[in-house]
């Protein structure tokens, strides 16, 4: 699994809009990892998610969105 980049809050908001991530604990977990640099486990605990699988799923969506966006601007 490739390393996820750190994003600014504005970049994350744009990514979330692009991916149509609804306001949810998984979106907040992704923000905590990508913007705040929190670990997946800490983000899972901070958002009250019941397992790391949900965090991994949303981060996989984010990674794919970032990869596709890079192809567009390359």
PDB file of N, CA and C in Angstrom:
ATOM      1  N   UNK A   1       0.848  -1.176   0.000  1.00  0.00           N
ATOM      2  CA  UNK A   1       0.000   0.000   0.000  1.00  0.00           C
ATOM      3  C   UNK A   1       0.894   1.240   0.000  1.00  0.00           C
ATOM      4  N   UNK A   2       0.679   2.120  -0.944  1.00  0.00           N
ATOM      5  CA  UNK A   2       1.525   3.298  -1.043  1.00  0.00           C
ATOM      6  C   UNK A   2       1.202   4.292   0.062  1.00  0.00           C
ATOM      7  N   UNK A   3       2.200   5.098   0.376  1.00  0.00           N
ATOM      8  CA  UNK A   3       2.062   6.108   1.422  1.00  0.00           C
ATOM      9  C   UNK A   3       1.080   7.188   0.976  1.00  0.00           C
ATOM     10  N   UNK A   4       0.184   7.546   1.863  1.00  0.00           N
ATOM     11  CA  UNK A   4      -0.764   8.626   1.570  1.00  0.00           C
ATOM     12  C   UNK A   4      -0.101   9.971   1.834  1.00  0.00           C
ATOM     13  N   UNK A   5      -0.357  10.947   0.978  1.00  0.00           N
ATOM     14  CA  UNK A   5       0.242  12.273   1.191  1.00  0.00           C
ATOM     15  C   UNK A   5      -0.486  13.028   2.297  1.00  0.00           C
ATOM     16  N   UNK A   6       0.221  13.962   2.913  1.00  0.00           N
ATOM     17  CA  UNK A   6      -0.446  14.901   3.823  1.00  0.00           C
ATOM     18  C   UNK A   6      -1.125  15.942   2.951  1.00  0.00           C
ATOM     19  N   UNK A   7      -2.313  16.342   3.349  1.00  0.00           N
ATOM     20  CA  UNK A   7      -3.081  17.329   2.610  1.00  0.00           C
ATOM     21  C   UNK A   7      -3.360  18.536   3.487  1.00  0.00           C
ATOM     22  N   UNK A   8      -3.572  19.675   2.844  1.00  0.00           N
ATOM     23  CA  UNK A   8      -4.073  20.833   3.578  1.00  0.00           C
ATOM     24  C   UNK A   8      -5.569  20.619   3.787  1.00  0.00           C
ATOM     25  N   UNK A   9      -6.161  21.408   4.656  1.00  0.00           N
ATOM     26  CA  UNK A   9      -7.603  21.310   4.885  1.00  0.00           C
ATOM     27  C   UNK A   9      -8.370  21.595   3.599  1.00  0.00           C
ATOM     28  N   UNK A  10      -7.924  22.586   2.827  1.00  0.00           N
ATOM     29  CA  UNK A  10      -8.591  22.910   1.561  1.00  0.00           C
ATOM     30  C   UNK A  10      -8.481  21.754   0.561  1.00  0.00           C
ATOM     31  N   UNK A  11      -7.309  21.137   0.479  1.00  0.00           N
ATOM     32  CA  UNK A  11      -7.136  20.001  -0.423  1.00  0.00           C
ATOM     33  C   UNK A  11      -8.057  18.849  -0.015  1.00  0.00           C
ATOM     34  N   UNK A  12      -8.138  18.599   1.294  1.00  0.00           N
ATOM     35  CA  UNK A  12      -9.005  17.523   1.762  1.00  0.00           C
ATOM     36  C   UNK A  12     -10.464  17.820   1.444  1.00  0.00           C
ATOM     37  N   UNK A  13     -10.894  19.048   1.663  1.00  0.00           N
ATOM     38  CA  UNK A  13     -12.280  19.412   1.347  1.00  0.00           C
ATOM     39  C   UNK A  13     -12.579  19.191  -0.133  1.00  0.00           C
ATOM     40  N   UNK A  14     -11.631  19.554  -1.001  1.00  0.00           N
ATOM     41  CA  UNK A  14     -11.814  19.350  -2.439  1.00  0.00           C
ATOM     42  C   UNK A  14     -11.882  17.856  -2.762  1.00  0.00           C
ATOM     43  N   UNK A  15     -11.000  17.068  -2.150  1.00  0.00           N
ATOM     44  CA  UNK A  15     -11.008  15.622  -2.372  1.00  0.00           C
ATOM     45  C   UNK A  15     -12.323  15.013  -1.892  1.00  0.00           C
ATOM     46  N   UNK A  16     -12.772  15.419  -0.720  1.00  0.00           N
ATOM     47  CA  UNK A  16     -14.021  14.897  -0.176  1.00  0.00           C
ATOM     48  C   UNK A  16     -15.202  15.248  -1.085  1.00  0.00           C
ATOM     49  N   UNK A  17     -15.192  16.442  -1.639  1.00  0.00           N
ATOM     50  CA  UNK A  17     -16.258  16.832  -2.569  1.00  0.00           C
ATOM     51  C   UNK A  17     -16.176  16.001  -3.851  1.00  0.00           C
ATOM     52  N   UNK A  18     -14.973  15.849  -4.372  1.00  0.00           N
ATOM     53  CA  UNK A  18     -14.771  15.059  -5.582  1.00  0.00           C
ATOM     54  C   UNK A  18     -15.261  13.624  -5.397  1.00  0.00           C
ATOM     55  N   UNK A  19     -14.956  13.046  -4.250  1.00  0.00           N
ATOM     56  CA  UNK A  19     -15.330  11.658  -3.965  1.00  0.00           C
ATOM     57  C   UNK A  19     -16.734  11.534  -3.375  1.00  0.00           C
ATOM     58  N   UNK A  20     -17.367  12.677  -3.163  1.00  0.00           N
ATOM     59  CA  UNK A  20     -18.717  12.720  -2.572  1.00  0.00           C
ATOM     60  C   UNK A  20     -18.758  12.015  -1.227  1.00  0.00           C
ATOM     61  N   UNK A  21     -17.748  12.309  -0.395  1.00  0.00           N
ATOM     62  CA  UNK A  21     -17.729  11.766   0.959  1.00  0.00           C
ATOM     63  C   UNK A  21     -18.697  12.572   1.810  1.00  0.00           C
ATOM     64  N   UNK A  22     -19.700  11.904   2.326  1.00  0.00           N
ATOM     65  CA  UNK A  22     -20.672  12.566   3.197  1.00  0.00           C
ATOM     66  C   UNK A  22     -20.059  12.840   4.559  1.00  0.00           C
ATOM     67  N   UNK A  23     -20.635  13.809   5.268  1.00  0.00           N
ATOM     68  CA  UNK A  23     -20.219  14.054   6.645  1.00  0.00           C
ATOM     69  C   UNK A  23     -20.484  12.778   7.438  1.00  0.00           C
ATOM     70  N   UNK A  24     -19.441  12.189   7.972  1.00  0.00           N
ATOM     71  CA  UNK A  24     -19.570  10.925   8.696  1.00  0.00           C
ATOM     72  C   UNK A  24     -18.315  10.696   9.519  1.00  0.00           C
ATOM     73  N   UNK A  25     -18.361   9.675  10.351  1.00  0.00           N
ATOM     74  CA  UNK A  25     -17.171   9.346  11.141  1.00  0.00           C
ATOM     75  C   UNK A  25     -16.034   8.878  10.233  1.00  0.00           C
ATOM     76  N   UNK A  26     -16.349   8.205   9.134  1.00  0.00           N
ATOM     77  CA  UNK A  26     -15.272   7.759   8.242  1.00  0.00           C
ATOM     78  C   UNK A  26     -14.618   8.945   7.538  1.00  0.00           C
ATOM     79  N   UNK A  27     -15.415   9.943   7.134  1.00  0.00           N
ATOM     80  CA  UNK A  27     -14.828  11.146   6.528  1.00  0.00           C
ATOM     81  C   UNK A  27     -13.937  11.862   7.546  1.00  0.00           C
ATOM     82  N   UNK A  28     -14.405  11.968   8.776  1.00  0.00           N
ATOM     83  CA  UNK A  28     -13.603  12.626   9.813  1.00  0.00           C
ATOM     84  C   UNK A  28     -12.327  11.838  10.090  1.00  0.00           C
ATOM     85  N   UNK A  29     -12.405  10.510  10.091  1.00  0.00           N
ATOM     86  CA  UNK A  29     -11.202   9.687  10.285  1.00  0.00           C
ATOM     87  C   UNK A  29     -10.199   9.937   9.165  1.00  0.00           C
ATOM     88  N   UNK A  30     -10.693  10.025   7.930  1.00  0.00           N
ATOM     89  CA  UNK A  30      -9.805  10.311   6.800  1.00  0.00           C
ATOM     90  C   UNK A  30      -9.152  11.673   6.965  1.00  0.00           C
ATOM     91  N   UNK A  31      -9.924  12.667   7.402  1.00  0.00           N
ATOM     92  CA  UNK A  31      -9.368  14.007   7.622  1.00  0.00           C
ATOM     93  C   UNK A  31      -8.283  13.970   8.697  1.00  0.00           C
ATOM     94  N   UNK A  32      -8.546  13.241   9.770  1.00  0.00           N
ATOM     95  CA  UNK A  32      -7.557  13.162  10.854  1.00  0.00           C
ATOM     96  C   UNK A  32      -6.248  12.538  10.376  1.00  0.00           C
ATOM     97  N   UNK A  33      -6.338  11.532   9.510  1.00  0.00           N
ATOM     98  CA  UNK A  33      -5.132  10.880   8.991  1.00  0.00           C
ATOM     99  C   UNK A  33      -4.437  11.768   7.965  1.00  0.00           C
ATOM    100  N   UNK A  34      -5.192  12.271   6.992  1.00  0.00           N
ATOM    101  CA  UNK A  34      -4.586  12.976   5.862  1.00  0.00           C
ATOM    102  C   UNK A  34      -4.187  14.416   6.177  1.00  0.00           C
ATOM    103  N   UNK A  35      -4.920  15.082   7.035  1.00  0.00           N
ATOM    104  CA  UNK A  35      -4.625  16.491   7.340  1.00  0.00           C
ATOM    105  C   UNK A  35      -3.848  16.625   8.645  1.00  0.00           C
ATOM    106  N   UNK A  36      -4.291  15.910   9.666  1.00  0.00           N
ATOM    107  CA  UNK A  36      -3.672  16.051  10.989  1.00  0.00           C
ATOM    108  C   UNK A  36      -2.486  15.115  11.204  1.00  0.00           C
ATOM    109  N   UNK A  37      -2.339  14.115  10.334  1.00  0.00           N
ATOM    110  CA  UNK A  37      -1.220  13.186  10.464  1.00  0.00           C
ATOM    111  C   UNK A  37      -1.403  12.141  11.543  1.00  0.00           C
ATOM    112  N   UNK A  38      -2.631  11.927  11.969  1.00  0.00           N
ATOM    113  CA  UNK A  38      -2.932  10.958  13.014  1.00  0.00           C
ATOM    114  C   UNK A  38      -2.809   9.542  12.446  1.00  0.00           C
ATOM    115  N   UNK A  39      -2.494   8.594  13.286  1.00  0.00           N
ATOM    116  CA  UNK A  39      -2.452   7.196  12.839  1.00  0.00           C
ATOM    117  C   UNK A  39      -3.872   6.706  12.578  1.00  0.00           C
ATOM    118  N   UNK A  40      -3.971   5.647  11.799  1.00  0.00           N
ATOM    119  CA  UNK A  40      -5.290   5.069  11.509  1.00  0.00           C
ATOM    120  C   UNK A  40      -5.987   4.621  12.788  1.00  0.00           C
ATOM    121  N   UNK A  41      -5.236   3.961  13.653  1.00  0.00           N
ATOM    122  CA  UNK A  41      -5.827   3.464  14.902  1.00  0.00           C
ATOM    123  C   UNK A  41      -6.305   4.620  15.782  1.00  0.00           C
ATOM    124  N   UNK A  42      -5.503   5.684  15.874  1.00  0.00           N
ATOM    125  CA  UNK A  42      -5.910   6.835  16.679  1.00  0.00           C
ATOM    126  C   UNK A  42      -7.126   7.525  16.079  1.00  0.00           C
ATOM    127  N   UNK A  43      -7.180   7.608  14.746  1.00  0.00           N
ATOM    128  CA  UNK A  43      -8.336   8.212  14.075  1.00  0.00           C
ATOM    129  C   UNK A  43      -9.582   7.368  14.304  1.00  0.00           C
ATOM    130  N   UNK A  44      -9.426   6.068  14.269  1.00  0.00           N
ATOM    131  CA  UNK A  44     -10.553   5.162  14.518  1.00  0.00           C
ATOM    132  C   UNK A  44     -11.093   5.374  15.927  1.00  0.00           C
ATOM    133  N   UNK A  45     -10.206   5.454  16.906  1.00  0.00           N
ATOM    134  CA  UNK A  45     -10.643   5.671  18.290  1.00  0.00           C
ATOM    135  C   UNK A  45     -11.255   7.057  18.476  1.00  0.00           C
ATOM    136  N   UNK A  46     -10.646   8.075  17.870  1.00  0.00           N
ATOM    137  CA  UNK A  46     -11.122   9.449  18.034  1.00  0.00           C
ATOM    138  C   UNK A  46     -12.517   9.662  17.449  1.00  0.00           C
ATOM    139  N   UNK A  47     -12.846   8.893  16.423  1.00  0.00           N
ATOM    140  CA  UNK A  47     -14.148   9.065  15.777  1.00  0.00           C
ATOM    141  C   UNK A  47     -15.182   8.063  16.266  1.00  0.00           C
ATOM    142  N   UNK A  48     -14.771   7.143  17.115  1.00  0.00           N
ATOM    143  CA  UNK A  48     -15.699   6.156  17.648  1.00  0.00           C
ATOM    144  C   UNK A  48     -16.060   5.052  16.677  1.00  0.00           C
ATOM    145  N   UNK A  49     -15.286   4.918  15.624  1.00  0.00           N
ATOM    146  CA  UNK A  49     -15.547   3.831  14.675  1.00  0.00           C
ATOM    147  C   UNK A  49     -15.231   2.504  15.363  1.00  0.00           C
ATOM    148  N   UNK A  50     -15.938   1.452  14.958  1.00  0.00           N
ATOM    149  CA  UNK A  50     -15.802   0.181  15.658  1.00  0.00           C
ATOM    150  C   UNK A  50     -14.622  -0.666  15.198  1.00  0.00           C
ATOM    151  N   UNK A  51     -14.027  -0.355  14.061  1.00  0.00           N
ATOM    152  CA  UNK A  51     -12.897  -1.146  13.593  1.00  0.00           C
ATOM    153  C   UNK A  51     -12.065  -0.382  12.587  1.00  0.00           C
ATOM    154  N   UNK A  52     -10.865  -0.889  12.356  1.00  0.00           N
ATOM    155  CA  UNK A  52      -9.955  -0.238  11.408  1.00  0.00           C
ATOM    156  C   UNK A  52     -10.360  -0.452   9.956  1.00  0.00           C
ATOM    157  N   UNK A  53     -11.202  -1.445   9.678  1.00  0.00           N
ATOM    158  CA  UNK A  53     -11.589  -1.722   8.300  1.00  0.00           C
ATOM    159  C   UNK A  53     -12.287  -0.518   7.668  1.00  0.00           C
ATOM    160  N   UNK A  54     -13.145   0.157   8.415  1.00  0.00           N
ATOM    161  CA  UNK A  54     -13.832   1.338   7.893  1.00  0.00           C
ATOM    162  C   UNK A  54     -12.861   2.453   7.556  1.00  0.00           C
ATOM    163  N   UNK A  55     -11.869   2.642   8.410  1.00  0.00           N
ATOM    164  CA  UNK A  55     -10.847   3.662   8.155  1.00  0.00           C
ATOM    165  C   UNK A  55     -10.054   3.278   6.908  1.00  0.00           C
ATOM    166  N   UNK A  56      -9.665   2.018   6.818  1.00  0.00           N
ATOM    167  CA  UNK A  56      -8.912   1.558   5.655  1.00  0.00           C
ATOM    168  C   UNK A  56      -9.717   1.727   4.368  1.00  0.00           C
ATOM    169  N   UNK A  57     -11.008   1.445   4.430  1.00  0.00           N
ATOM    170  CA  UNK A  57     -11.851   1.573   3.240  1.00  0.00           C
ATOM    171  C   UNK A  57     -11.905   3.007   2.740  1.00  0.00           C
ATOM    172  N   UNK A  58     -12.124   3.956   3.630  1.00  0.00           N
ATOM    173  CA  UNK A  58     -12.222   5.360   3.192  1.00  0.00           C
ATOM    174  C   UNK A  58     -10.861   5.862   2.714  1.00  0.00           C
ATOM    175  N   UNK A  59      -9.781   5.424   3.329  1.00  0.00           N
ATOM    176  CA  UNK A  59      -8.458   5.845   2.882  1.00  0.00           C
ATOM    177  C   UNK A  59      -8.120   5.231   1.516  1.00  0.00           C
ATOM    178  N   UNK A  60      -8.612   4.042   1.246  1.00  0.00           N
ATOM    179  CA  UNK A  60      -8.429   3.445  -0.081  1.00  0.00           C
ATOM    180  C   UNK A  60      -9.153   4.282  -1.129  1.00  0.00           C
ATOM    181  N   UNK A  61     -10.361   4.729  -0.824  1.00  0.00           N
ATOM    182  CA  UNK A  61     -11.095   5.612  -1.740  1.00  0.00           C
ATOM    183  C   UNK A  61     -10.334   6.914  -1.960  1.00  0.00           C
ATOM    184  N   UNK A  62      -9.798   7.463  -0.883  1.00  0.00           N
ATOM    185  CA  UNK A  62      -9.039   8.714  -0.995  1.00  0.00           C
ATOM    186  C   UNK A  62      -7.787   8.518  -1.838  1.00  0.00           C
ATOM    187  N   UNK A  63      -7.063   7.424  -1.604  1.00  0.00           N
ATOM    188  CA  UNK A  63      -5.842   7.145  -2.372  1.00  0.00           C
ATOM    189  C   UNK A  63      -6.174   7.049  -3.856  1.00  0.00           C
ATOM    190  N   UNK A  64      -7.238   6.336  -4.196  1.00  0.00           N
ATOM    191  CA  UNK A  64      -7.623   6.179  -5.595  1.00  0.00           C
ATOM    192  C   UNK A  64      -8.022   7.520  -6.203  1.00  0.00           C
ATOM    193  N   UNK A  65      -8.741   8.344  -5.455  1.00  0.00           N
ATOM    194  CA  UNK A  65      -9.110   9.672  -5.943  1.00  0.00           C
ATOM    195  C   UNK A  65      -7.898  10.540  -6.205  1.00  0.00           C
ATOM    196  N   UNK A  66      -6.923  10.475  -5.319  1.00  0.00           N
ATOM    197  CA  UNK A  66      -5.692  11.257  -5.490  1.00  0.00           C
ATOM    198  C   UNK A  66      -4.933  10.767  -6.722  1.00  0.00           C
ATOM    199  N   UNK A  67      -4.840   9.448  -6.892  1.00  0.00           N
ATOM    200  CA  UNK A  67      -4.152   8.893  -8.058  1.00  0.00           C
ATOM    201  C   UNK A  67      -4.818   9.336  -9.358  1.00  0.00           C
ATOM    202  N   UNK A  68      -6.135   9.296  -9.398  1.00  0.00           N
ATOM    203  CA  UNK A  68      -6.856   9.703 -10.604  1.00  0.00           C
ATOM    204  C   UNK A  68      -6.680  11.205 -10.881  1.00  0.00           C
ATOM    205  N   UNK A  69      -6.728  12.015  -9.833  1.00  0.00           N
ATOM    206  CA  UNK A  69      -6.546  13.453 -10.005  1.00  0.00           C
ATOM    207  C   UNK A  69      -5.146  13.757 -10.541  1.00  0.00           C
ATOM    208  N   UNK A  70      -4.158  13.032 -10.066  1.00  0.00           N
ATOM    209  CA  UNK A  70      -2.784  13.238 -10.563  1.00  0.00           C
ATOM    210  C   UNK A  70      -2.677  12.894 -12.031  1.00  0.00           C
ATOM    211  N   UNK A  71      -3.396  11.864 -12.476  1.00  0.00           N
ATOM    212  CA  UNK A  71      -3.385  11.515 -13.900  1.00  0.00           C
ATOM    213  C   UNK A  71      -4.003  12.617 -14.748  1.00  0.00           C
ATOM    214  N   UNK A  72      -4.997  13.278 -14.218  1.00  0.00           N
ATOM    215  CA  UNK A  72      -5.672  14.351 -14.959  1.00  0.00           C
ATOM    216  C   UNK A  72      -4.729  15.524 -15.178  1.00  0.00           C
ATOM    217  N   UNK A  73      -3.949  15.881 -14.168  1.00  0.00           N
ATOM    218  CA  UNK A  73      -3.102  17.076 -14.260  1.00  0.00           C
ATOM    219  C   UNK A  73      -1.685  16.772 -14.728  1.00  0.00           C
ATOM    220  N   UNK A  74      -1.360  15.510 -14.939  1.00  0.00           N
ATOM    221  CA  UNK A  74      -0.004  15.139 -15.359  1.00  0.00           C
ATOM    222  C   UNK A  74       0.235  15.468 -16.806  1.00  0.00           C
TER     223      UNK A  74
END
